[in-house]
């Protein structure tokens, strides 16, 4: 297997699976910052279309996962 088979595609249509609500702005328009040390995480996935991997992985699927984390201070 070559490393070329596992390169990320350029145009990824990420699907958001879950996110934390700690830093969501519910008071639109004010300039207040979120409280200190508040964290935020989001998990995304991208399932590679089966027709792109059927030859290399006939009995499997490739799913890319992305985790985004941030902390305010």
C-alpha atoms as a PDB file:
ATOM      1  CA  UNK A   1       0.000   0.000   0.000  1.00  0.00           C
ATOM      2  CA  UNK A   2       1.336   3.418  -0.879  1.00  0.00           C
ATOM      3  CA  UNK A   3       0.942   6.597   1.130  1.00  0.00           C
ATOM      4  CA  UNK A   4      -0.868   8.072  -1.877  1.00  0.00           C
ATOM      5  CA  UNK A   5      -3.928   5.949  -1.020  1.00  0.00           C
ATOM      6  CA  UNK A   6      -4.390   7.744   2.302  1.00  0.00           C
ATOM      7  CA  UNK A   7      -4.017  11.368   1.198  1.00  0.00           C
ATOM      8  CA  UNK A   8      -6.870  13.693   2.134  1.00  0.00           C
ATOM      9  CA  UNK A   9      -9.127  14.945  -0.647  1.00  0.00           C
ATOM     10  CA  UNK A  10      -9.049  18.688  -1.312  1.00  0.00           C
ATOM     11  CA  UNK A  11     -12.779  19.457  -1.083  1.00  0.00           C
ATOM     12  CA  UNK A  12     -14.050  17.808   2.071  1.00  0.00           C
ATOM     13  CA  UNK A  13     -17.725  18.090   2.956  1.00  0.00           C
ATOM     14  CA  UNK A  14     -17.431  17.720   6.727  1.00  0.00           C
ATOM     15  CA  UNK A  15     -20.500  16.708   8.701  1.00  0.00           C
ATOM     16  CA  UNK A  16     -20.705  17.976  12.273  1.00  0.00           C
ATOM     17  CA  UNK A  17     -21.408  15.108  14.664  1.00  0.00           C
ATOM     18  CA  UNK A  18     -21.297  16.819  18.062  1.00  0.00           C
ATOM     19  CA  UNK A  19     -20.267  20.074  19.741  1.00  0.00           C
ATOM     20  CA  UNK A  20     -20.075  21.598  23.195  1.00  0.00           C
ATOM     21  CA  UNK A  21     -22.254  24.603  23.990  1.00  0.00           C
ATOM     22  CA  UNK A  22     -19.832  26.316  26.394  1.00  0.00           C
ATOM     23  CA  UNK A  23     -18.811  29.172  24.084  1.00  0.00           C
ATOM     24  CA  UNK A  24     -21.984  29.701  22.052  1.00  0.00           C
ATOM     25  CA  UNK A  25     -22.958  33.387  22.010  1.00  0.00           C
ATOM     26  CA  UNK A  26     -26.616  33.673  23.071  1.00  0.00           C
ATOM     27  CA  UNK A  27     -26.534  37.483  23.458  1.00  0.00           C
ATOM     28  CA  UNK A  28     -25.878  38.636  19.919  1.00  0.00           C
ATOM     29  CA  UNK A  29     -24.569  42.154  19.493  1.00  0.00           C
ATOM     30  CA  UNK A  30     -22.850  42.620  22.844  1.00  0.00           C
ATOM     31  CA  UNK A  31     -19.074  42.703  22.991  1.00  0.00           C
ATOM     32  CA  UNK A  32     -18.659  40.546  26.110  1.00  0.00           C
ATOM     33  CA  UNK A  33     -16.058  37.819  25.976  1.00  0.00           C
ATOM     34  CA  UNK A  34     -16.819  34.295  27.209  1.00  0.00           C
ATOM     35  CA  UNK A  35     -15.764  33.501  30.801  1.00  0.00           C
ATOM     36  CA  UNK A  36     -12.094  32.642  31.347  1.00  0.00           C
ATOM     37  CA  UNK A  37     -10.956  29.066  30.806  1.00  0.00           C
ATOM     38  CA  UNK A  38     -14.108  28.100  28.972  1.00  0.00           C
ATOM     39  CA  UNK A  39     -13.436  25.341  26.457  1.00  0.00           C
ATOM     40  CA  UNK A  40     -15.132  24.284  23.258  1.00  0.00           C
ATOM     41  CA  UNK A  41     -14.916  21.073  21.238  1.00  0.00           C
ATOM     42  CA  UNK A  42     -16.487  19.967  17.969  1.00  0.00           C
ATOM     43  CA  UNK A  43     -16.267  16.612  16.189  1.00  0.00           C
ATOM     44  CA  UNK A  44     -16.667  16.315  12.413  1.00  0.00           C
ATOM     45  CA  UNK A  45     -16.591  13.319  10.088  1.00  0.00           C
ATOM     46  CA  UNK A  46     -16.222  12.676   6.386  1.00  0.00           C
ATOM     47  CA  UNK A  47     -17.131   9.312   4.885  1.00  0.00           C
ATOM     48  CA  UNK A  48     -15.203   8.713   1.663  1.00  0.00           C
ATOM     49  CA  UNK A  49     -17.616   7.638  -1.107  1.00  0.00           C
ATOM     50  CA  UNK A  50     -17.555   3.888  -1.628  1.00  0.00           C
ATOM     51  CA  UNK A  51     -16.879   4.197  -5.369  1.00  0.00           C
ATOM     52  CA  UNK A  52     -13.567   5.957  -4.611  1.00  0.00           C
ATOM     53  CA  UNK A  53     -12.311   3.160  -2.348  1.00  0.00           C
ATOM     54  CA  UNK A  54     -14.026   0.023  -3.684  1.00  0.00           C
ATOM     55  CA  UNK A  55     -10.931  -1.189  -5.531  1.00  0.00           C
ATOM     56  CA  UNK A  56      -8.419  -0.618  -2.722  1.00  0.00           C
ATOM     57  CA  UNK A  57     -10.716  -1.513   0.201  1.00  0.00           C
ATOM     58  CA  UNK A  58     -13.446  -3.863  -1.089  1.00  0.00           C
ATOM     59  CA  UNK A  59     -14.559  -4.935   2.402  1.00  0.00           C
ATOM     60  CA  UNK A  60     -14.129  -1.654   4.261  1.00  0.00           C
ATOM     61  CA  UNK A  61     -14.849   2.061   4.408  1.00  0.00           C
ATOM     62  CA  UNK A  62     -12.617   5.061   5.098  1.00  0.00           C
ATOM     63  CA  UNK A  63     -13.916   7.685   7.509  1.00  0.00           C
ATOM     64  CA  UNK A  64     -11.895  10.811   8.331  1.00  0.00           C
ATOM     65  CA  UNK A  65     -12.483  12.393  11.732  1.00  0.00           C
ATOM     66  CA  UNK A  66     -11.652  15.973  12.738  1.00  0.00           C
ATOM     67  CA  UNK A  67     -11.628  17.311  16.285  1.00  0.00           C
ATOM     68  CA  UNK A  68     -11.542  21.071  16.849  1.00  0.00           C
ATOM     69  CA  UNK A  69     -10.689  22.374  20.342  1.00  0.00           C
ATOM     70  CA  UNK A  70     -10.376  25.883  21.723  1.00  0.00           C
ATOM     71  CA  UNK A  71      -9.912  27.513  25.135  1.00  0.00           C
ATOM     72  CA  UNK A  72     -10.484  31.140  26.131  1.00  0.00           C
ATOM     73  CA  UNK A  73      -8.356  32.921  28.717  1.00  0.00           C
END
